[in-house]
């Protein structure tokens, strides 16, 4: 066998099978040189087009993105509140004090709003107004 037949080329990498473990040098043809100017032009075009594409994508998917961000913010808020409550519960007498405050407010709320029919009706009206302001159901 001749030396040309033993040398195999795969993806511009010459493998020499005569000496195992060694690689031949790549040829210096045009396919291996990097055109910096071409890469710079492609990068500039990408930077010019990217903000426009992001804006268009946001306009198309505005409601789902906004909903997703609100859900994400709610999850982060719950996680932060959980962490704060864990720290507060580690302090002696704070957990029983918070429970006492919660029970006191619940008793006040029930006494103030649930005792008479007029105040119950006012509570329902206030709730519906707040719900319409938040959801935009008044339009």
Protein backbone atom coordinates (compact mmCIF):
# COMPACT_ATOMS: atom_id res chain seq x y z
CA UNK A 1 0.00 0.00 0.00
CA UNK A 2 1.11 3.42 -0.80
CA UNK A 3 1.28 6.37 1.65
CA UNK A 4 -1.46 8.29 -0.18
CA UNK A 5 -3.93 5.45 0.32
CA UNK A 6 -3.16 5.22 4.05
CA UNK A 7 -3.88 8.93 4.65
CA UNK A 8 -7.62 9.58 5.02
CA UNK A 9 -9.23 13.02 5.08
CA UNK A 10 -12.34 13.59 7.18
CA UNK A 11 -13.82 17.09 7.66
CA UNK A 12 -10.59 18.91 6.72
CA UNK A 13 -8.61 16.89 9.28
CA UNK A 14 -5.88 14.69 7.90
CA UNK A 15 -5.44 11.48 9.84
CA UNK A 16 -2.15 9.74 9.29
CA UNK A 17 -2.46 6.03 9.99
CA UNK A 18 1.27 5.35 9.62
CA UNK A 19 2.14 6.83 13.03
CA UNK A 20 -0.62 6.27 15.54
CA UNK A 21 -1.49 9.11 17.89
CA UNK A 22 -0.27 11.93 15.65
CA UNK A 23 -2.28 14.38 13.57
CA UNK A 24 -1.10 16.05 10.41
CA UNK A 25 -1.34 19.80 9.97
CA UNK A 26 -4.42 21.24 8.34
CA UNK A 27 -4.07 22.60 4.87
CA UNK A 28 -4.08 26.37 4.58
CA UNK A 29 -6.81 26.64 1.95
CA UNK A 30 -9.64 29.21 1.98
CA UNK A 31 -12.14 26.95 3.83
CA UNK A 32 -10.16 27.13 7.09
CA UNK A 33 -9.55 30.87 7.23
CA UNK A 34 -11.96 33.02 9.23
CA UNK A 35 -13.32 36.08 7.52
CA UNK A 36 -13.53 38.61 10.37
CA UNK A 37 -15.23 41.22 8.22
CA UNK A 38 -18.05 38.81 7.28
CA UNK A 39 -18.58 37.85 10.92
CA UNK A 40 -18.64 41.54 11.90
CA UNK A 41 -21.30 42.28 9.27
CA UNK A 42 -23.44 39.35 10.44
CA UNK A 43 -23.11 40.48 14.04
CA UNK A 44 -24.04 44.06 13.14
CA UNK A 45 -27.09 42.84 11.20
CA UNK A 46 -28.16 40.71 14.16
CA UNK A 47 -27.76 43.61 16.60
CA UNK A 48 -29.79 45.85 14.27
CA UNK A 49 -32.64 43.35 13.82
CA UNK A 50 -32.79 41.79 17.32
CA UNK A 51 -34.55 44.63 19.22
CA UNK A 52 -37.15 44.93 16.46
CA UNK A 53 -37.83 41.18 16.55
CA UNK A 54 -38.13 41.22 20.35
CA UNK A 55 -40.60 44.12 20.16
CA UNK A 56 -42.70 42.38 17.52
CA UNK A 57 -42.70 39.15 19.50
CA UNK A 58 -43.76 41.01 22.65
CA UNK A 59 -46.62 42.70 20.78
CA UNK A 60 -47.84 39.35 19.46
CA UNK A 61 -47.61 37.55 22.81
CA UNK A 62 -48.31 40.47 25.15
CA UNK A 63 -51.12 38.85 27.19
CA UNK A 64 -49.44 35.45 27.77
CA UNK A 65 -46.12 37.10 28.65
CA UNK A 66 -47.79 39.52 31.04
CA UNK A 67 -49.73 36.69 32.66
CA UNK A 68 -46.58 34.62 32.99
CA UNK A 69 -44.70 37.51 34.58
CA UNK A 70 -47.53 38.11 37.05
CA UNK A 71 -47.58 34.42 38.01
CA UNK A 72 -43.79 34.44 38.38
CA UNK A 73 -43.94 37.57 40.54
CA UNK A 74 -46.64 35.97 42.70
CA UNK A 75 -44.53 32.85 43.19
CA UNK A 76 -41.48 34.92 44.12
CA UNK A 77 -43.60 36.96 46.54
CA UNK A 78 -44.95 33.82 48.20
CA UNK A 79 -41.43 32.41 48.51
CA UNK A 80 -40.14 35.65 50.08
CA UNK A 81 -43.11 35.84 52.46
CA UNK A 82 -42.54 32.22 53.45
CA UNK A 83 -38.90 32.98 54.19
CA UNK A 84 -39.79 36.03 56.26
CA UNK A 85 -42.38 34.07 58.24
CA UNK A 86 -39.87 31.26 58.87
CA UNK A 87 -37.44 33.80 60.29
CA UNK A 88 -40.16 35.41 62.43
CA UNK A 89 -41.34 32.03 63.69
CA UNK A 90 -37.82 31.25 64.86
CA UNK A 91 -37.97 34.19 67.29
CA UNK A 92 -39.52 33.17 70.62
CA UNK A 93 -43.05 34.49 71.35
CA UNK A 94 -43.46 35.97 67.85
CA UNK A 95 -45.45 33.03 66.45
CA UNK A 96 -48.02 33.05 69.30
CA UNK A 97 -48.27 36.84 69.06
CA UNK A 98 -48.96 36.66 65.30
CA UNK A 99 -51.61 34.00 65.92
CA UNK A 100 -53.24 36.20 68.55
CA UNK A 101 -53.25 39.18 66.17
CA UNK A 102 -54.81 37.02 63.44
CA UNK A 103 -57.53 35.74 65.74
CA UNK A 104 -58.24 39.26 66.96
CA UNK A 105 -58.59 40.62 63.43
CA UNK A 106 -60.83 37.71 62.42
CA UNK A 107 -63.08 38.36 65.39
CA UNK A 108 -63.21 42.11 64.59
CA UNK A 109 -63.99 41.44 60.93
CA UNK A 110 -66.79 39.02 61.77
CA UNK A 111 -68.25 41.41 64.36
CA UNK A 112 -68.01 44.45 62.12
CA UNK A 113 -69.03 43.07 58.71
CA UNK A 114 -70.97 39.86 59.27
CA UNK A 115 -73.23 40.78 62.17
CA UNK A 116 -75.93 42.77 60.33
CA UNK A 117 -77.51 42.31 56.89
CA UNK A 118 -76.72 45.91 55.83
CA UNK A 119 -73.00 45.53 56.53
CA UNK A 120 -72.94 42.14 54.77
CA UNK A 121 -74.55 43.72 51.72
CA UNK A 122 -72.04 46.60 51.85
CA UNK A 123 -69.18 44.07 52.02
CA UNK A 124 -70.51 42.23 48.95
CA UNK A 125 -70.89 45.53 47.07
CA UNK A 126 -67.34 46.62 47.97
CA UNK A 127 -65.99 43.23 46.92
CA UNK A 128 -67.72 43.37 43.52
CA UNK A 129 -66.48 46.93 42.90
CA UNK A 130 -62.92 45.93 43.74
CA UNK A 131 -63.18 42.83 41.53
CA UNK A 132 -64.49 44.94 38.61
CA UNK A 133 -61.67 47.48 39.05
CA UNK A 134 -59.04 44.74 39.00
CA UNK A 135 -60.45 42.61 36.17
CA UNK A 136 -61.82 45.50 34.10
CA UNK A 137 -65.31 44.02 34.14
CA UNK A 138 -66.91 47.48 34.30
CA UNK A 139 -66.10 48.37 30.66
